[in-house]
N, C-alpha and C. Protein backbone atom coordinates (compact mmCIF):
# COMPACT_ATOMS: atom_id res chain seq x y z
N MET A 1 -8.01 3.93 43.29
CA MET A 1 -6.85 4.22 42.43
C MET A 1 -6.47 4.94 41.36
N LYS A 2 -7.27 4.64 40.18
CA LYS A 2 -7.42 5.16 39.20
C LYS A 2 -8.47 6.20 39.48
N GLU A 3 -9.01 7.11 40.09
CA GLU A 3 -9.99 7.58 40.67
C GLU A 3 -8.51 8.79 41.05
N GLU A 4 -8.10 8.75 42.05
CA GLU A 4 -6.78 9.31 42.32
C GLU A 4 -6.08 10.16 41.22
N LYS A 5 -5.93 10.10 40.39
CA LYS A 5 -5.14 9.76 39.64
C LYS A 5 -5.93 10.71 38.64
N ALA A 6 -7.21 10.06 37.97
CA ALA A 6 -8.06 11.43 37.44
C ALA A 6 -7.87 13.05 37.93
N ARG A 7 -8.11 12.60 39.73
CA ARG A 7 -8.43 13.33 40.54
C ARG A 7 -7.22 14.77 40.15
N LEU A 8 -6.07 13.88 40.39
CA LEU A 8 -4.73 14.66 40.42
C LEU A 8 -4.96 15.60 39.36
N ARG A 9 -4.59 14.83 37.19
CA ARG A 9 -4.46 14.54 36.16
C ARG A 9 -5.50 16.07 36.41
N LYS A 10 -6.42 16.04 36.77
CA LYS A 10 -7.68 17.15 36.70
C LYS A 10 -7.33 18.76 37.07
N ILE A 11 -6.52 18.54 38.41
CA ILE A 11 -6.05 19.74 38.90
C ILE A 11 -4.75 20.08 38.36
N ILE A 12 -3.95 19.79 38.01
CA ILE A 12 -2.98 20.15 37.44
C ILE A 12 -3.29 20.86 36.56
N ARG A 13 -4.01 19.60 35.54
CA ARG A 13 -4.18 20.19 34.14
C ARG A 13 -4.77 21.58 34.58
N ASN A 14 -5.07 21.45 34.98
CA ASN A 14 -6.41 23.11 35.14
C ASN A 14 -5.72 24.14 35.64
N LYS A 15 -4.64 24.00 36.34
CA LYS A 15 -3.71 24.87 36.94
C LYS A 15 -2.41 25.23 35.46
N LEU A 16 -1.91 24.69 35.44
CA LEU A 16 -1.92 24.47 34.14
C LEU A 16 -2.32 25.21 32.64
N MET A 17 -3.26 24.80 32.31
CA MET A 17 -3.85 26.02 31.75
C MET A 17 -4.23 27.50 32.09
N GLU A 18 -4.49 27.39 32.79
CA GLU A 18 -4.16 29.17 34.02
C GLU A 18 -3.17 29.75 33.40
N MET A 19 -2.23 29.38 32.95
CA MET A 19 -0.58 30.10 32.74
C MET A 19 -0.64 31.05 31.55
N ASP A 20 -0.19 32.03 32.05
CA ASP A 20 -0.49 33.26 30.69
C ASP A 20 0.71 32.26 30.00
N ARG A 21 0.59 32.54 28.30
CA ARG A 21 1.61 32.86 27.08
C ARG A 21 2.75 32.82 27.40
N ILE A 22 3.07 34.33 27.66
CA ILE A 22 4.18 34.74 27.65
C ILE A 22 4.94 34.24 29.01
N VAL A 23 4.64 33.92 30.12
CA VAL A 23 4.97 33.11 31.57
C VAL A 23 5.29 32.11 30.83
N TYR A 24 4.74 31.03 30.44
CA TYR A 24 4.64 30.05 29.75
C TYR A 24 6.08 29.75 28.97
N GLU A 25 6.07 30.80 27.93
CA GLU A 25 7.10 30.04 26.68
C GLU A 25 8.20 30.59 27.96
N LYS A 26 8.58 31.94 29.00
CA LYS A 26 9.57 32.30 29.47
C LYS A 26 10.08 30.84 30.44
N ARG A 27 8.88 30.38 31.09
CA ARG A 27 9.39 28.97 31.93
C ARG A 27 10.21 28.16 30.80
N SER A 28 9.67 27.77 29.89
CA SER A 28 9.81 26.40 29.11
C SER A 28 11.13 27.00 28.60
N HIS A 29 11.64 28.47 28.02
CA HIS A 29 13.20 28.44 28.06
C HIS A 29 13.67 28.51 29.33
N LEU A 30 13.89 28.55 30.16
CA LEU A 30 14.12 27.90 31.35
C LEU A 30 14.74 26.66 31.56
N ILE A 31 14.03 25.68 31.17
CA ILE A 31 13.57 24.34 31.09
C ILE A 31 14.79 23.62 30.38
N HIS A 32 14.22 24.45 29.27
CA HIS A 32 14.95 24.16 28.25
C HIS A 32 16.64 23.86 28.28
N ASN A 33 16.99 25.29 28.92
CA ASN A 33 18.69 25.88 29.00
C ASN A 33 19.28 24.79 30.24
N ARG A 34 18.50 24.58 31.13
CA ARG A 34 18.87 23.30 31.85
C ARG A 34 18.98 22.26 31.71
N LEU A 35 18.10 21.37 30.55
CA LEU A 35 18.38 20.43 29.98
C LEU A 35 19.20 20.49 28.80
N TYR A 36 19.38 21.61 28.20
CA TYR A 36 20.92 21.54 27.95
C TYR A 36 22.27 21.47 28.16
N SER A 37 22.53 21.86 29.52
CA SER A 37 23.75 21.74 30.30
C SER A 37 23.68 20.63 31.04
N THR A 38 22.69 19.74 30.49
CA THR A 38 22.76 18.15 31.60
C THR A 38 23.17 17.30 30.51
N ASP A 39 24.19 15.71 30.73
CA ASP A 39 25.46 15.65 30.20
C ASP A 39 24.20 14.36 28.57
N ILE A 40 23.46 13.74 29.91
CA ILE A 40 22.42 12.68 28.74
C ILE A 40 22.17 13.58 27.17
N TRP A 41 21.91 15.18 27.38
CA TRP A 41 21.96 15.93 26.52
C TRP A 41 22.47 15.88 25.28
N HIS A 42 23.83 16.38 25.99
CA HIS A 42 25.15 16.24 25.25
C HIS A 42 25.51 14.89 24.75
N GLU A 43 25.20 14.25 25.47
CA GLU A 43 26.26 12.73 25.00
C GLU A 43 25.17 12.03 23.88
N ALA A 44 23.41 12.17 24.32
CA ALA A 44 22.49 11.95 22.63
C ALA A 44 22.91 11.72 21.13
N GLU A 45 22.51 10.83 20.70
CA GLU A 45 22.72 11.40 19.51
C GLU A 45 21.32 11.10 18.57
N ILE A 46 20.39 10.33 19.64
CA ILE A 46 19.24 10.30 19.17
C ILE A 46 17.77 10.66 20.16
N ILE A 47 16.92 11.43 20.16
CA ILE A 47 16.27 11.63 20.95
C ILE A 47 14.85 11.30 20.30
N GLY A 48 14.20 11.11 21.99
CA GLY A 48 13.14 10.99 20.99
C GLY A 48 12.18 11.18 21.85
N ILE A 49 10.88 12.19 21.26
CA ILE A 49 10.41 13.58 21.66
C ILE A 49 9.26 13.75 20.60
N THR A 50 8.29 14.36 21.97
CA THR A 50 6.83 13.87 21.81
C THR A 50 6.69 15.46 20.83
N LEU A 51 6.00 16.37 20.19
CA LEU A 51 5.29 17.31 19.67
C LEU A 51 4.62 17.72 20.56
N SER A 52 4.97 18.74 21.01
CA SER A 52 3.96 19.63 22.82
C SER A 52 2.90 19.74 21.87
N MET A 53 1.96 19.99 23.02
CA MET A 53 0.57 20.90 22.53
C MET A 53 1.04 21.63 24.34
N PHE A 54 0.25 22.62 24.24
CA PHE A 54 -0.41 23.46 25.52
C PHE A 54 -1.20 22.59 26.67
N PRO A 55 -0.77 22.94 27.25
CA PRO A 55 0.20 23.65 28.75
C PRO A 55 1.32 22.85 28.65
N GLU A 56 1.84 21.73 27.85
CA GLU A 56 2.97 21.18 28.38
C GLU A 56 3.54 21.88 27.42
N VAL A 57 5.31 21.70 28.67
CA VAL A 57 6.29 22.28 28.04
C VAL A 57 7.15 22.35 26.87
N ASP A 58 7.74 23.43 26.02
CA ASP A 58 7.54 23.19 24.82
C ASP A 58 8.10 22.75 23.93
N THR A 59 7.96 21.43 23.50
CA THR A 59 9.46 20.69 22.72
C THR A 59 9.94 21.13 21.42
N PHE A 60 9.16 22.02 20.87
CA PHE A 60 9.26 22.73 19.14
C PHE A 60 11.25 23.43 19.61
N ALA A 61 11.36 23.99 20.51
CA ALA A 61 12.55 24.61 20.24
C ALA A 61 13.51 23.73 21.11
N ILE A 62 13.42 22.54 21.37
CA ILE A 62 14.41 21.63 21.68
C ILE A 62 14.82 20.53 20.52
N ILE A 63 13.32 20.58 19.48
CA ILE A 63 13.41 19.67 18.13
C ILE A 63 14.37 20.16 17.62
N GLU A 64 14.61 22.06 17.41
CA GLU A 64 15.62 22.75 16.77
C GLU A 64 16.65 23.14 17.12
N GLU A 65 16.92 22.51 17.95
CA GLU A 65 17.65 22.50 18.92
C GLU A 65 18.46 21.50 18.95
N GLY A 66 18.13 20.33 18.75
CA GLY A 66 18.98 19.29 18.57
C GLY A 66 19.10 18.99 16.71
N TRP A 67 18.54 19.79 15.67
CA TRP A 67 18.98 19.67 14.65
C TRP A 67 19.58 20.33 14.30
N ARG A 68 19.74 21.63 15.12
CA ARG A 68 21.20 22.64 15.39
C ARG A 68 22.48 21.80 15.70
N LYS A 69 22.55 20.73 16.34
CA LYS A 69 22.89 20.17 16.63
C LYS A 69 23.86 18.85 16.20
N GLY A 70 23.21 18.69 15.20
CA GLY A 70 23.24 17.27 14.23
C GLY A 70 22.34 16.30 14.75
N LYS A 71 21.71 16.38 16.07
CA LYS A 71 21.34 14.99 16.88
C LYS A 71 20.18 15.11 15.81
N THR A 72 19.52 13.58 15.45
CA THR A 72 18.72 12.69 15.58
C THR A 72 17.07 12.68 16.11
N ILE A 73 16.59 13.59 15.23
CA ILE A 73 15.49 13.49 16.43
C ILE A 73 14.07 12.31 16.30
N ALA A 74 13.39 11.67 17.00
CA ALA A 74 12.72 11.05 16.66
C ALA A 74 11.10 11.18 17.27
N VAL A 75 9.90 11.52 16.60
CA VAL A 75 8.73 11.30 17.54
C VAL A 75 7.46 10.32 17.40
N PRO A 76 7.46 10.40 17.78
CA PRO A 76 6.27 8.85 18.70
C PRO A 76 4.95 8.69 17.92
N LYS A 77 4.07 8.32 17.34
CA LYS A 77 3.14 7.73 16.45
C LYS A 77 2.28 6.84 17.26
N CYS A 78 1.41 7.02 17.86
CA CYS A 78 0.86 6.14 18.70
C CYS A 78 -0.07 5.18 17.71
N VAL A 79 -0.29 4.22 18.08
CA VAL A 79 -1.16 2.73 17.70
C VAL A 79 -1.98 1.84 18.68
N PRO A 80 -3.34 3.14 18.50
CA PRO A 80 -4.79 2.78 18.32
C PRO A 80 -4.55 0.95 18.83
N ALA A 81 -4.38 0.41 17.85
CA ALA A 81 -5.18 -1.07 17.77
C ALA A 81 -4.27 -1.65 19.40
N THR A 82 -2.86 -1.53 19.40
CA THR A 82 -2.34 -2.37 19.78
C THR A 82 -1.90 -1.47 21.25
N ARG A 83 -1.64 -0.05 21.82
CA ARG A 83 -2.27 0.81 22.64
C ARG A 83 0.00 0.93 22.49
N GLU A 84 0.12 1.08 21.29
CA GLU A 84 1.89 1.11 21.51
C GLU A 84 1.85 2.72 20.60
N LEU A 85 3.81 2.90 21.03
CA LEU A 85 4.38 3.94 20.55
C LEU A 85 4.89 3.31 19.13
N GLN A 86 5.24 3.84 18.38
CA GLN A 86 6.41 3.46 17.34
C GLN A 86 6.86 5.04 17.50
N PHE A 87 8.47 5.26 17.24
CA PHE A 87 9.10 6.09 16.87
C PHE A 87 9.27 6.43 15.34
N PHE A 88 9.71 7.59 14.48
CA PHE A 88 10.03 7.71 13.28
C PHE A 88 10.61 8.93 13.64
N ARG A 89 12.07 9.01 12.70
CA ARG A 89 12.62 10.31 12.65
C ARG A 89 12.36 11.31 11.55
N ILE A 90 12.09 12.50 12.45
CA ILE A 90 11.61 13.63 11.51
C ILE A 90 12.75 14.57 11.07
N GLN A 91 12.86 14.98 9.70
CA GLN A 91 14.07 16.04 9.36
C GLN A 91 13.55 17.37 9.32
N ASN A 92 12.30 17.29 9.13
CA ASN A 92 11.64 18.73 9.05
C ASN A 92 10.23 18.85 9.66
N LEU A 93 9.09 19.79 9.91
CA LEU A 93 7.73 19.82 10.32
C LEU A 93 7.22 19.70 9.44
N ASN A 94 7.21 18.99 8.29
CA ASN A 94 6.12 19.27 7.53
C ASN A 94 6.53 17.70 7.11
N GLU A 95 6.74 17.62 8.04
CA GLU A 95 6.98 15.77 8.19
C GLU A 95 5.71 15.09 9.14
N VAL A 96 5.11 15.70 10.02
CA VAL A 96 4.06 15.84 10.48
C VAL A 96 3.07 15.91 10.07
N GLU A 97 1.61 15.28 10.83
CA GLU A 97 0.61 15.96 10.46
C GLU A 97 -0.11 15.63 11.38
N LYS A 98 -1.65 15.68 11.73
CA LYS A 98 -2.48 15.71 12.37
C LYS A 98 -3.20 14.37 12.92
N GLY A 99 -2.94 13.38 13.80
CA GLY A 99 -3.03 11.86 14.22
C GLY A 99 -4.26 11.96 14.95
N TYR A 100 -3.66 10.74 16.20
CA TYR A 100 -4.36 9.91 17.44
C TYR A 100 -4.90 10.95 18.43
N PHE A 101 -6.04 11.52 18.32
CA PHE A 101 -6.65 12.80 19.67
C PHE A 101 -6.45 13.65 19.02
N GLY A 102 -6.12 14.43 17.76
CA GLY A 102 -5.53 15.28 17.37
C GLY A 102 -4.31 16.43 17.69
N LEU A 103 -3.24 14.75 18.43
CA LEU A 103 -1.92 15.20 17.98
C LEU A 103 -1.33 14.87 16.94
N LEU A 104 0.02 16.00 17.03
CA LEU A 104 1.12 15.91 15.81
C LEU A 104 1.89 14.65 15.92
N GLU A 105 1.69 13.88 14.42
CA GLU A 105 2.97 12.80 14.53
C GLU A 105 3.24 12.96 13.03
N PRO A 106 4.31 11.88 13.04
CA PRO A 106 5.16 11.83 12.10
C PRO A 106 4.40 10.86 10.92
N ASN A 107 4.34 11.46 9.52
CA ASN A 107 3.99 11.14 8.34
C ASN A 107 4.39 10.00 8.40
N GLU A 108 3.98 8.31 7.71
CA GLU A 108 4.56 7.26 8.07
C GLU A 108 5.26 7.14 6.90
N GLU A 109 4.98 7.83 5.64
CA GLU A 109 5.05 7.80 4.17
C GLU A 109 6.35 8.05 4.10
N ARG A 110 6.49 9.40 4.84
CA ARG A 110 7.54 10.62 4.27
C ARG A 110 8.19 10.24 5.01
N THR A 111 8.93 9.65 6.67
CA THR A 111 9.82 8.83 7.25
C THR A 111 9.95 7.83 7.86
N GLU A 112 11.29 8.15 8.67
CA GLU A 112 11.62 6.41 9.07
C GLU A 112 11.71 6.01 9.88
N ALA A 113 11.30 4.75 10.58
CA ALA A 113 11.03 4.03 11.88
C ALA A 113 12.30 4.10 12.54
N ILE A 114 12.60 4.15 13.64
CA ILE A 114 13.76 4.30 14.49
C ILE A 114 13.58 3.10 15.24
N GLU A 115 14.01 2.27 15.95
CA GLU A 115 13.80 1.22 16.68
C GLU A 115 14.52 1.42 18.33
N ARG A 116 13.26 0.87 19.55
CA ARG A 116 13.63 1.70 20.71
C ARG A 116 15.10 1.49 20.71
N GLU A 117 15.90 0.66 20.96
CA GLU A 117 17.10 0.38 20.84
C GLU A 117 18.15 1.21 20.92
N LYS A 118 17.85 2.31 19.03
CA LYS A 118 18.71 3.13 19.18
C LYS A 118 18.57 4.55 19.83
N ILE A 119 17.38 4.66 20.25
CA ILE A 119 17.06 5.68 21.20
C ILE A 119 17.87 6.22 22.45
N ASP A 120 18.82 7.03 22.60
CA ASP A 120 19.73 7.48 23.48
C ASP A 120 19.29 8.04 24.65
N LEU A 121 17.70 8.69 24.34
CA LEU A 121 17.45 9.61 25.47
C LEU A 121 15.95 10.04 25.16
N LEU A 122 15.05 9.40 25.46
CA LEU A 122 13.63 9.72 25.41
C LEU A 122 13.21 10.66 26.81
N ILE A 123 12.52 11.16 25.86
CA ILE A 123 11.99 12.94 26.80
C ILE A 123 10.09 12.00 27.07
N VAL A 124 10.28 11.97 28.41
CA VAL A 124 8.96 11.27 28.43
C VAL A 124 7.67 12.50 29.78
N PRO A 125 6.74 12.07 28.08
CA PRO A 125 5.44 13.56 29.02
C PRO A 125 4.23 12.99 29.68
N GLY A 126 3.82 14.34 30.90
CA GLY A 126 2.78 13.74 31.92
C GLY A 126 2.52 14.82 31.96
N ILE A 127 1.24 14.52 33.29
CA ILE A 127 0.79 15.81 33.75
C ILE A 127 1.11 16.41 35.51
N VAL A 128 1.33 15.21 35.95
CA VAL A 128 1.63 14.94 37.64
C VAL A 128 2.76 13.82 37.77
N PHE A 129 4.34 14.41 38.37
CA PHE A 129 5.68 13.36 38.99
C PHE A 129 5.40 14.36 40.25
N SER A 130 5.93 12.75 40.93
CA SER A 130 7.11 12.98 42.00
C SER A 130 7.96 13.19 41.84
N THR A 131 8.81 13.19 42.90
CA THR A 131 10.37 13.68 42.60
C THR A 131 11.01 11.84 42.76
N THR A 132 10.33 11.21 42.77
CA THR A 132 10.99 9.80 42.86
C THR A 132 10.22 8.91 41.43
N GLY A 133 10.37 9.84 40.80
CA GLY A 133 10.18 9.74 38.82
C GLY A 133 9.06 9.44 38.40
N TYR A 134 8.23 8.79 39.12
CA TYR A 134 6.88 8.43 39.06
C TYR A 134 6.24 9.48 38.34
N ARG A 135 5.23 8.94 36.92
CA ARG A 135 4.29 10.30 36.92
C ARG A 135 2.71 9.60 36.67
N ILE A 136 1.76 10.88 35.93
CA ILE A 136 0.78 10.41 35.98
C ILE A 136 0.98 11.37 34.44
N GLY A 137 0.58 10.43 33.55
CA GLY A 137 -0.21 10.80 31.59
C GLY A 137 -1.24 10.78 31.25
N HIS A 138 -1.25 11.05 30.24
CA HIS A 138 -3.18 11.54 29.70
C HIS A 138 -3.58 10.11 30.03
N GLY A 139 -3.05 9.24 30.55
CA GLY A 139 -4.22 7.56 31.13
C GLY A 139 -4.19 6.64 30.21
N GLY A 140 -3.57 6.99 28.46
CA GLY A 140 -3.82 6.05 27.86
C GLY A 140 -3.09 4.64 27.96
N GLY A 141 -1.53 4.58 29.25
CA GLY A 141 -0.33 4.22 29.20
C GLY A 141 0.45 4.03 28.12
N TYR A 142 0.23 4.39 27.24
CA TYR A 142 1.67 3.91 26.12
C TYR A 142 2.93 4.41 26.23
N TYR A 143 3.04 5.39 27.25
CA TYR A 143 4.75 5.62 27.36
C TYR A 143 4.43 4.15 28.58
N ASP A 144 3.83 3.96 29.40
CA ASP A 144 4.37 2.86 30.54
C ASP A 144 4.96 1.32 30.00
N ARG A 145 4.08 1.54 28.47
CA ARG A 145 4.11 0.06 28.23
C ARG A 145 5.55 0.14 27.24
N TYR A 146 5.93 1.23 26.80
CA TYR A 146 7.15 1.65 25.94
C TYR A 146 8.44 1.60 26.90
N LEU A 147 7.93 2.13 27.80
CA LEU A 147 9.53 1.93 28.57
C LEU A 147 9.23 0.87 29.96
N GLN A 148 8.64 0.00 29.32
CA GLN A 148 8.65 -1.78 29.85
C GLN A 148 10.25 -2.09 29.15
N ASN A 149 10.68 -1.47 28.32
CA ASN A 149 11.67 -2.57 27.39
C ASN A 149 12.44 -1.38 26.68
N PHE A 150 12.73 0.08 27.66
CA PHE A 150 13.41 0.61 27.61
C PHE A 150 14.74 0.81 28.22
N ASP A 151 15.77 0.63 27.46
CA ASP A 151 17.35 0.58 28.99
C ASP A 151 18.04 2.26 28.62
N GLN A 152 17.45 3.03 27.75
CA GLN A 152 18.18 4.08 27.79
C GLN A 152 18.42 5.22 28.90
N GLN A 153 18.65 6.50 28.29
CA GLN A 153 17.81 7.44 29.13
C GLN A 153 17.01 7.89 29.53
N THR A 154 16.00 8.14 30.94
CA THR A 154 14.97 9.12 30.02
C THR A 154 14.68 10.31 31.06
N VAL A 155 13.92 11.07 30.53
CA VAL A 155 14.02 12.35 31.55
C VAL A 155 12.31 13.33 30.97
N SER A 156 12.08 13.64 31.95
CA SER A 156 10.63 14.11 31.85
C SER A 156 10.67 15.80 32.20
N LEU A 157 10.50 16.63 30.91
CA LEU A 157 10.46 18.02 31.60
C LEU A 157 9.09 18.71 32.14
N VAL A 158 9.66 19.20 33.08
CA VAL A 158 8.40 19.55 33.68
C VAL A 158 8.32 20.96 34.85
N PHE A 159 6.92 21.78 34.71
CA PHE A 159 6.21 22.79 35.74
C PHE A 159 6.30 22.33 37.00
N GLU A 160 7.46 23.49 37.77
CA GLU A 160 7.24 23.04 39.50
C GLU A 160 6.29 22.80 40.01
N GLU A 161 5.12 23.42 39.19
CA GLU A 161 3.54 23.64 39.88
C GLU A 161 3.10 21.70 39.61
N GLN A 162 3.26 20.86 38.69
CA GLN A 162 3.55 19.52 38.03
C GLN A 162 4.12 18.75 39.41
N ILE A 163 4.71 18.86 40.30
CA ILE A 163 5.48 17.98 40.86
C ILE A 163 4.46 18.25 42.31
N VAL A 164 4.08 16.79 42.68
CA VAL A 164 3.05 16.93 43.93
C VAL A 164 4.37 15.57 45.10
N ASP A 165 4.08 16.00 45.81
CA ASP A 165 5.20 14.83 47.32
C ASP A 165 4.28 13.61 46.99
N GLN A 166 3.37 12.87 46.91
CA GLN A 166 3.19 11.25 46.21
C GLN A 166 2.44 11.48 45.85
N LEU A 167 2.25 10.37 44.83
CA LEU A 167 1.72 9.60 43.71
C LEU A 167 1.40 8.61 44.24
N PRO A 168 0.15 7.97 43.44
CA PRO A 168 -0.39 6.68 43.36
C PRO A 168 0.38 5.71 42.43
N VAL A 169 0.82 4.66 42.78
CA VAL A 169 1.62 4.04 42.04
C VAL A 169 1.21 2.30 42.01
N GLU A 170 0.89 2.19 40.75
CA GLU A 170 0.20 0.91 40.01
C GLU A 170 1.62 0.09 39.68
N MET A 171 1.32 -1.23 39.35
CA MET A 171 2.86 -2.48 39.33
C MET A 171 2.83 -1.92 38.21
N HIS A 172 1.55 -1.22 37.53
CA HIS A 172 2.57 -1.37 36.00
C HIS A 172 2.98 -0.16 35.35
N ASP A 173 3.01 0.47 36.68
CA ASP A 173 3.72 2.20 36.35
C ASP A 173 5.26 2.10 35.96
N GLU A 174 5.64 2.94 35.46
CA GLU A 174 7.13 3.07 35.18
C GLU A 174 7.91 4.03 35.46
N ARG A 175 9.21 4.65 36.00
CA ARG A 175 9.99 5.42 36.30
C ARG A 175 10.48 6.43 35.43
N VAL A 176 10.56 7.40 35.27
CA VAL A 176 11.96 7.93 34.80
C VAL A 176 13.23 8.30 35.24
N GLU A 177 13.68 8.49 34.86
CA GLU A 177 15.40 8.85 35.52
C GLU A 177 15.70 10.19 35.70
N MET A 178 15.13 11.48 35.66
CA MET A 178 15.12 13.09 36.01
C MET A 178 14.02 13.49 35.57
N ILE A 179 14.56 14.51 36.05
CA ILE A 179 13.35 15.50 35.55
C ILE A 179 14.15 16.68 36.14
N VAL A 180 13.16 17.35 34.79
CA VAL A 180 14.09 18.70 34.84
C VAL A 180 12.66 19.74 34.57
N THR A 181 12.99 20.49 35.59
CA THR A 181 12.17 21.99 35.62
C THR A 181 12.50 23.14 35.40
N GLU A 182 12.15 24.08 35.83
CA GLU A 182 12.63 25.61 35.43
C GLU A 182 13.83 26.15 36.58
N ARG A 183 13.46 25.29 37.78
CA ARG A 183 14.50 25.83 38.77
C ARG A 183 15.47 24.75 39.43
N ASP A 184 15.00 23.36 38.81
CA ASP A 184 16.16 22.93 39.36
C ASP A 184 16.49 21.04 38.16
N VAL A 185 17.07 20.24 38.25
CA VAL A 185 17.09 18.89 37.75
C VAL A 185 17.19 17.99 38.86
N ILE A 186 16.28 16.89 39.06
CA ILE A 186 16.02 16.34 39.78
C ILE A 186 17.17 14.71 39.32
N ASP A 187 17.71 14.14 40.18
CA ASP A 187 18.34 12.71 39.79
C ASP A 187 16.94 11.57 40.56
N CYS A 188 16.05 11.03 39.74
CA CYS A 188 15.52 9.88 40.46
C CYS A 188 16.15 8.98 40.81
N ARG A 189 16.72 8.44 40.46
CA ARG A 189 17.20 6.85 40.53
C ARG A 189 17.91 6.23 41.57
N ASN A 190 17.49 7.35 42.61
CA ASN A 190 17.89 6.44 43.82
C ASN A 190 16.46 6.84 44.62
N GLY A 191 15.30 7.18 44.21
CA GLY A 191 14.36 7.21 45.11
C GLY A 191 13.47 5.78 45.32
């Protein structure tokens, strides 16, 4: 099963890496607008979100829009020793730095921790998705562990080619409730 996940991860990542930057930006913008039209976006006061790296759907515009709308933005920091995520409120991009695996993460000394139960909406990253909400992430299991005790809304922002008909699913895999693509909003709760 791990081999199949690795194979799918590689195929989809390679496909995404071929995307032209202008096309990437246009498609990300379409996904942003679909997200902004959802009730979960309007109702959320505290949003958990990663700082994206190409070819993930751009999240910087979403963060800026969240700040414009008066929302609290919480960004994760990886804790490699425990393989867990901790979220911290950022109020500007000067409060982040390169961290684990070269990811942009909050500087703990300049930000305040946000408890899991206070996050209203968690935007969950990944590489490969099924329409039932299962996902293949980057392979560390950080989000699957975090989602085990997360009871609020979850959504993933996904380019169309990231969706496959079927995914291998393991006991520890956690689903997201909604997937937003450039063409659709998929409710995964009934799958």
